[in-house]
Amino acid sequence: MQWADVTDIAIELFESHPDIDPLTVNFVDLRQWILALPEFEGHPDHCGEKLLEAIQAAWIDELD
């Protein structure tokens, strides 16, 4: 996975942190959790706040 794989990242976060409300996760932790995903291969420096917001929104959508 790369940073552009927003939905795939959100699904992985949903599955790996099922008891977490994504609205309570700060972007520092969110970035670290994404980098720690086993299949994630994106470069750590290629992420910004807007991308983290998109991933967080997609994660929230997975809750529905």
PDB file of N, CA and C in Angstrom:
ATOM      1  N   MET A   1       0.829  -1.184   0.000  1.00  0.00           N
ATOM      2  CA  MET A   1       0.000   0.000   0.000  1.00  0.00           C
ATOM      3  C   MET A   1       0.874   1.248   0.000  1.00  0.00           C
ATOM      4  N   GLN A   2       0.330   2.264  -0.623  1.00  0.00           N
ATOM      5  CA  GLN A   2       0.967   3.578  -0.653  1.00  0.00           C
ATOM      6  C   GLN A   2      -0.004   4.587  -0.036  1.00  0.00           C
ATOM      7  N   TRP A   3       0.450   5.818   0.160  1.00  0.00           N
ATOM      8  CA  TRP A   3      -0.376   6.844   0.775  1.00  0.00           C
ATOM      9  C   TRP A   3      -1.670   7.075   0.000  1.00  0.00           C
ATOM     10  N   ALA A   4      -1.646   6.927  -1.294  1.00  0.00           N
ATOM     11  CA  ALA A   4      -2.833   7.168  -2.117  1.00  0.00           C
ATOM     12  C   ALA A   4      -3.915   6.106  -1.929  1.00  0.00           C
ATOM     13  N   ASP A   5      -3.586   4.995  -1.313  1.00  0.00           N
ATOM     14  CA  ASP A   5      -4.539   3.911  -1.102  1.00  0.00           C
ATOM     15  C   ASP A   5      -5.367   4.161   0.156  1.00  0.00           C
ATOM     16  N   VAL A   6      -6.065   5.289   0.152  1.00  0.00           N
ATOM     17  CA  VAL A   6      -6.781   5.772   1.333  1.00  0.00           C
ATOM     18  C   VAL A   6      -7.771   4.738   1.868  1.00  0.00           C
ATOM     19  N   THR A   7      -8.591   4.176   0.998  1.00  0.00           N
ATOM     20  CA  THR A   7      -9.603   3.218   1.439  1.00  0.00           C
ATOM     21  C   THR A   7      -8.971   1.951   1.990  1.00  0.00           C
ATOM     22  N   ASP A   8      -7.956   1.445   1.323  1.00  0.00           N
ATOM     23  CA  ASP A   8      -7.271   0.240   1.806  1.00  0.00           C
ATOM     24  C   ASP A   8      -6.633   0.477   3.169  1.00  0.00           C
ATOM     25  N   ILE A   9      -6.037   1.639   3.345  1.00  0.00           N
ATOM     26  CA  ILE A   9      -5.435   1.981   4.642  1.00  0.00           C
ATOM     27  C   ILE A   9      -6.522   2.034   5.712  1.00  0.00           C
ATOM     28  N   ALA A  10      -7.650   2.674   5.380  1.00  0.00           N
ATOM     29  CA  ALA A  10      -8.745   2.792   6.339  1.00  0.00           C
ATOM     30  C   ALA A  10      -9.267   1.413   6.754  1.00  0.00           C
ATOM     31  N   ILE A  11      -9.385   0.509   5.806  1.00  0.00           N
ATOM     32  CA  ILE A  11      -9.850  -0.848   6.116  1.00  0.00           C
ATOM     33  C   ILE A  11      -8.864  -1.544   7.047  1.00  0.00           C
ATOM     34  N   GLU A  12      -7.579  -1.405   6.762  1.00  0.00           N
ATOM     35  CA  GLU A  12      -6.555  -2.026   7.607  1.00  0.00           C
ATOM     36  C   GLU A  12      -6.585  -1.440   9.023  1.00  0.00           C
ATOM     37  N   LEU A  13      -6.758  -0.124   9.126  1.00  0.00           N
ATOM     38  CA  LEU A  13      -6.831   0.506  10.445  1.00  0.00           C
ATOM     39  C   LEU A  13      -8.070   0.037  11.199  1.00  0.00           C
ATOM     40  N   PHE A  14      -9.192  -0.064  10.495  1.00  0.00           N
ATOM     41  CA  PHE A  14     -10.434  -0.549  11.089  1.00  0.00           C
ATOM     42  C   PHE A  14     -10.250  -1.959  11.641  1.00  0.00           C
ATOM     43  N   GLU A  15      -9.573  -2.803  10.874  1.00  0.00           N
ATOM     44  CA  GLU A  15      -9.364  -4.192  11.295  1.00  0.00           C
ATOM     45  C   GLU A  15      -8.315  -4.323  12.399  1.00  0.00           C
ATOM     46  N   SER A  16      -7.298  -3.480  12.372  1.00  0.00           N
ATOM     47  CA  SER A  16      -6.231  -3.620  13.362  1.00  0.00           C
ATOM     48  C   SER A  16      -6.512  -2.858  14.665  1.00  0.00           C
ATOM     49  N   HIS A  17      -7.454  -1.925  14.630  1.00  0.00           N
ATOM     50  CA  HIS A  17      -7.819  -1.149  15.830  1.00  0.00           C
ATOM     51  C   HIS A  17      -9.346  -1.093  15.943  1.00  0.00           C
ATOM     52  N   PRO A  18      -9.991  -2.246  16.116  1.00  0.00           N
ATOM     53  CA  PRO A  18     -11.461  -2.287  16.077  1.00  0.00           C
ATOM     54  C   PRO A  18     -12.166  -1.531  17.206  1.00  0.00           C
ATOM     55  N   ASP A  19     -11.504  -1.322  18.310  1.00  0.00           N
ATOM     56  CA  ASP A  19     -12.145  -0.665  19.452  1.00  0.00           C
ATOM     57  C   ASP A  19     -11.831   0.825  19.552  1.00  0.00           C
ATOM     58  N   ILE A  20     -11.173   1.356  18.527  1.00  0.00           N
ATOM     59  CA  ILE A  20     -10.767   2.764  18.559  1.00  0.00           C
ATOM     60  C   ILE A  20     -11.741   3.614  17.747  1.00  0.00           C
ATOM     61  N   ASP A  21     -12.147   4.737  18.324  1.00  0.00           N
ATOM     62  CA  ASP A  21     -12.945   5.719  17.587  1.00  0.00           C
ATOM     63  C   ASP A  21     -11.957   6.582  16.806  1.00  0.00           C
ATOM     64  N   PRO A  22     -12.026   6.562  15.476  1.00  0.00           N
ATOM     65  CA  PRO A  22     -11.051   7.322  14.682  1.00  0.00           C
ATOM     66  C   PRO A  22     -11.039   8.816  14.988  1.00  0.00           C
ATOM     67  N   LEU A  23     -12.133   9.346  15.496  1.00  0.00           N
ATOM     68  CA  LEU A  23     -12.179  10.769  15.829  1.00  0.00           C
ATOM     69  C   LEU A  23     -11.313  11.121  17.034  1.00  0.00           C
ATOM     70  N   THR A  24     -10.925  10.116  17.799  1.00  0.00           N
ATOM     71  CA  THR A  24     -10.111  10.365  18.990  1.00  0.00           C
ATOM     72  C   THR A  24      -8.612  10.216  18.722  1.00  0.00           C
ATOM     73  N   VAL A  25      -8.255   9.836  17.515  1.00  0.00           N
ATOM     74  CA  VAL A  25      -6.851   9.587  17.178  1.00  0.00           C
ATOM     75  C   VAL A  25      -6.228  10.864  16.622  1.00  0.00           C
ATOM     76  N   ASN A  26      -5.138  11.310  17.239  1.00  0.00           N
ATOM     77  CA  ASN A  26      -4.459  12.489  16.697  1.00  0.00           C
ATOM     78  C   ASN A  26      -3.627  12.082  15.479  1.00  0.00           C
ATOM     79  N   PHE A  27      -3.268  13.058  14.674  1.00  0.00           N
ATOM     80  CA  PHE A  27      -2.592  12.761  13.412  1.00  0.00           C
ATOM     81  C   PHE A  27      -1.193  12.187  13.597  1.00  0.00           C
ATOM     82  N   VAL A  28      -0.538  12.503  14.685  1.00  0.00           N
ATOM     83  CA  VAL A  28       0.786  11.931  14.957  1.00  0.00           C
ATOM     84  C   VAL A  28       0.660  10.423  15.141  1.00  0.00           C
ATOM     85  N   ASP A  29      -0.304  10.020  15.967  1.00  0.00           N
ATOM     86  CA  ASP A  29      -0.527   8.585  16.181  1.00  0.00           C
ATOM     87  C   ASP A  29      -1.041   7.908  14.920  1.00  0.00           C
ATOM     88  N   LEU A  30      -1.959   8.558  14.219  1.00  0.00           N
ATOM     89  CA  LEU A  30      -2.506   7.987  12.992  1.00  0.00           C
ATOM     90  C   LEU A  30      -1.397   7.702  11.988  1.00  0.00           C
ATOM     91  N   ARG A  31      -0.514   8.646  11.813  1.00  0.00           N
ATOM     92  CA  ARG A  31       0.615   8.462  10.883  1.00  0.00           C
ATOM     93  C   ARG A  31       1.478   7.277  11.309  1.00  0.00           C
ATOM     94  N   GLN A  32       1.756   7.164  12.590  1.00  0.00           N
ATOM     95  CA  GLN A  32       2.569   6.057  13.090  1.00  0.00           C
ATOM     96  C   GLN A  32       1.871   4.710  12.882  1.00  0.00           C
ATOM     97  N   TRP A  33       0.574   4.681  13.118  1.00  0.00           N
ATOM     98  CA  TRP A  33      -0.175   3.439  12.932  1.00  0.00           C
ATOM     99  C   TRP A  33      -0.167   3.022  11.463  1.00  0.00           C
ATOM    100  N   ILE A  34      -0.279   4.000  10.576  1.00  0.00           N
ATOM    101  CA  ILE A  34      -0.244   3.695   9.143  1.00  0.00           C
ATOM    102  C   ILE A  34       1.130   3.148   8.767  1.00  0.00           C
ATOM    103  N   LEU A  35       2.174   3.812   9.217  1.00  0.00           N
ATOM    104  CA  LEU A  35       3.535   3.360   8.895  1.00  0.00           C
ATOM    105  C   LEU A  35       3.805   1.963   9.443  1.00  0.00           C
ATOM    106  N   ALA A  36       3.112   1.583  10.508  1.00  0.00           N
ATOM    107  CA  ALA A  36       3.322   0.274  11.128  1.00  0.00           C
ATOM    108  C   ALA A  36       2.506  -0.846  10.465  1.00  0.00           C
ATOM    109  N   LEU A  37       1.609  -0.494   9.556  1.00  0.00           N
ATOM    110  CA  LEU A  37       0.821  -1.534   8.891  1.00  0.00           C
ATOM    111  C   LEU A  37       1.754  -2.444   8.094  1.00  0.00           C
ATOM    112  N   PRO A  38       1.566  -3.756   8.190  1.00  0.00           N
ATOM    113  CA  PRO A  38       2.491  -4.706   7.560  1.00  0.00           C
ATOM    114  C   PRO A  38       2.660  -4.531   6.052  1.00  0.00           C
ATOM    115  N   GLU A  39       1.603  -4.167   5.347  1.00  0.00           N
ATOM    116  CA  GLU A  39       1.686  -4.066   3.894  1.00  0.00           C
ATOM    117  C   GLU A  39       1.923  -2.639   3.402  1.00  0.00           C
ATOM    118  N   PHE A  40       2.128  -1.716   4.323  1.00  0.00           N
ATOM    119  CA  PHE A  40       2.326  -0.324   3.914  1.00  0.00           C
ATOM    120  C   PHE A  40       3.766  -0.102   3.481  1.00  0.00           C
ATOM    121  N   GLU A  41       3.936   0.473   2.294  1.00  0.00           N
ATOM    122  CA  GLU A  41       5.271   0.704   1.741  1.00  0.00           C
ATOM    123  C   GLU A  41       5.529   2.165   1.385  1.00  0.00           C
ATOM    124  N   GLY A  42       4.613   3.058   1.756  1.00  0.00           N
ATOM    125  CA  GLY A  42       4.782   4.469   1.421  1.00  0.00           C
ATOM    126  C   GLY A  42       5.927   5.105   2.190  1.00  0.00           C
ATOM    127  N   HIS A  43       6.498   6.129   1.596  1.00  0.00           N
ATOM    128  CA  HIS A  43       7.602   6.855   2.233  1.00  0.00           C
ATOM    129  C   HIS A  43       7.044   7.726   3.364  1.00  0.00           C
ATOM    130  N   PRO A  44       7.653   7.701   4.523  1.00  0.00           N
ATOM    131  CA  PRO A  44       7.151   8.469   5.674  1.00  0.00           C
ATOM    132  C   PRO A  44       7.002   9.969   5.421  1.00  0.00           C
ATOM    133  N   ASP A  45       7.822  10.526   4.532  1.00  0.00           N
ATOM    134  CA  ASP A  45       7.783  11.963   4.290  1.00  0.00           C
ATOM    135  C   ASP A  45       6.738  12.384   3.263  1.00  0.00           C
ATOM    136  N   HIS A  46       6.035  11.441   2.664  1.00  0.00           N
ATOM    137  CA  HIS A  46       5.087  11.769   1.606  1.00  0.00           C
ATOM    138  C   HIS A  46       3.653  11.843   2.115  1.00  0.00           C
ATOM    139  N   CYS A  47       3.496  12.347   3.313  1.00  0.00           N
ATOM    140  CA  CYS A  47       2.173  12.428   3.923  1.00  0.00           C
ATOM    141  C   CYS A  47       1.985  13.801   4.538  1.00  0.00           C
ATOM    142  N   GLY A  48       0.787  14.354   4.320  1.00  0.00           N
ATOM    143  CA  GLY A  48       0.454  15.639   4.924  1.00  0.00           C
ATOM    144  C   GLY A  48      -0.870  15.568   5.658  1.00  0.00           C
ATOM    145  N   GLU A  49      -1.256  16.680   6.234  1.00  0.00           N
ATOM    146  CA  GLU A  49      -2.469  16.727   7.038  1.00  0.00           C
ATOM    147  C   GLU A  49      -3.719  16.397   6.224  1.00  0.00           C
ATOM    148  N   LYS A  50      -3.796  16.891   4.990  1.00  0.00           N
ATOM    149  CA  LYS A  50      -4.980  16.618   4.172  1.00  0.00           C
ATOM    150  C   LYS A  50      -5.118  15.127   3.875  1.00  0.00           C
ATOM    151  N   LEU A  51      -4.017  14.474   3.649  1.00  0.00           N
ATOM    152  CA  LEU A  51      -4.055  13.036   3.390  1.00  0.00           C
ATOM    153  C   LEU A  51      -4.478  12.275   4.649  1.00  0.00           C
ATOM    154  N   LEU A  52      -3.966  12.674   5.793  1.00  0.00           N
ATOM    155  CA  LEU A  52      -4.373  12.040   7.051  1.00  0.00           C
ATOM    156  C   LEU A  52      -5.852  12.278   7.335  1.00  0.00           C
ATOM    157  N   GLU A  53      -6.345  13.471   6.999  1.00  0.00           N
ATOM    158  CA  GLU A  53      -7.776  13.748   7.159  1.00  0.00           C
ATOM    159  C   GLU A  53      -8.604  12.830   6.271  1.00  0.00           C
ATOM    160  N   ALA A  54      -8.159  12.609   5.042  1.00  0.00           N
ATOM    161  CA  ALA A  54      -8.876  11.729   4.111  1.00  0.00           C
ATOM    162  C   ALA A  54      -8.884  10.293   4.626  1.00  0.00           C
ATOM    163  N   ILE A  55      -7.763   9.849   5.155  1.00  0.00           N
ATOM    164  CA  ILE A  55      -7.684   8.495   5.702  1.00  0.00           C
ATOM    165  C   ILE A  55      -8.596   8.375   6.923  1.00  0.00           C
ATOM    166  N   GLN A  56      -8.577   9.376   7.785  1.00  0.00           N
ATOM    167  CA  GLN A  56      -9.435   9.359   8.969  1.00  0.00           C
ATOM    168  C   GLN A  56     -10.915   9.326   8.552  1.00  0.00           C
ATOM    169  N   ALA A  57     -11.296  10.110   7.554  1.00  0.00           N
ATOM    170  CA  ALA A  57     -12.671  10.123   7.071  1.00  0.00           C
ATOM    171  C   ALA A  57     -13.071   8.766   6.491  1.00  0.00           C
ATOM    172  N   ALA A  58     -12.179   8.153   5.751  1.00  0.00           N
ATOM    173  CA  ALA A  58     -12.452   6.836   5.187  1.00  0.00           C
ATOM    174  C   ALA A  58     -12.593   5.803   6.298  1.00  0.00           C
ATOM    175  N   TRP A  59     -11.795   5.915   7.328  1.00  0.00           N
ATOM    176  CA  TRP A  59     -11.884   5.014   8.480  1.00  0.00           C
ATOM    177  C   TRP A  59     -13.239   5.179   9.163  1.00  0.00           C
ATOM    178  N   ILE A  60     -13.683   6.404   9.323  1.00  0.00           N
ATOM    179  CA  ILE A  60     -15.001   6.670   9.918  1.00  0.00           C
ATOM    180  C   ILE A  60     -16.092   6.033   9.061  1.00  0.00           C
ATOM    181  N   ASP A  61     -15.962   6.126   7.745  1.00  0.00           N
ATOM    182  CA  ASP A  61     -16.929   5.495   6.844  1.00  0.00           C
ATOM    183  C   ASP A  61     -16.979   3.988   7.020  1.00  0.00           C
ATOM    184  N   GLU A  62     -15.851   3.376   7.373  1.00  0.00           N
ATOM    185  CA  GLU A  62     -15.813   1.922   7.581  1.00  0.00           C
ATOM    186  C   GLU A  62     -16.630   1.513   8.803  1.00  0.00           C
ATOM    187  N   LEU A  63     -16.878   2.418   9.715  1.00  0.00           N
ATOM    188  CA  LEU A  63     -17.659   2.109  10.912  1.00  0.00           C
ATOM    189  C   LEU A  63     -19.135   1.896  10.598  1.00  0.00           C
ATOM    190  N   ASP A  64     -19.593   2.477   9.494  1.00  0.00           N
ATOM    191  CA  ASP A  64     -21.020   2.371   9.135  1.00  0.00           C
ATOM    192  C   ASP A  64     -21.389   1.056   8.573  1.00  0.00           C
TER     193      ASP A  64
END
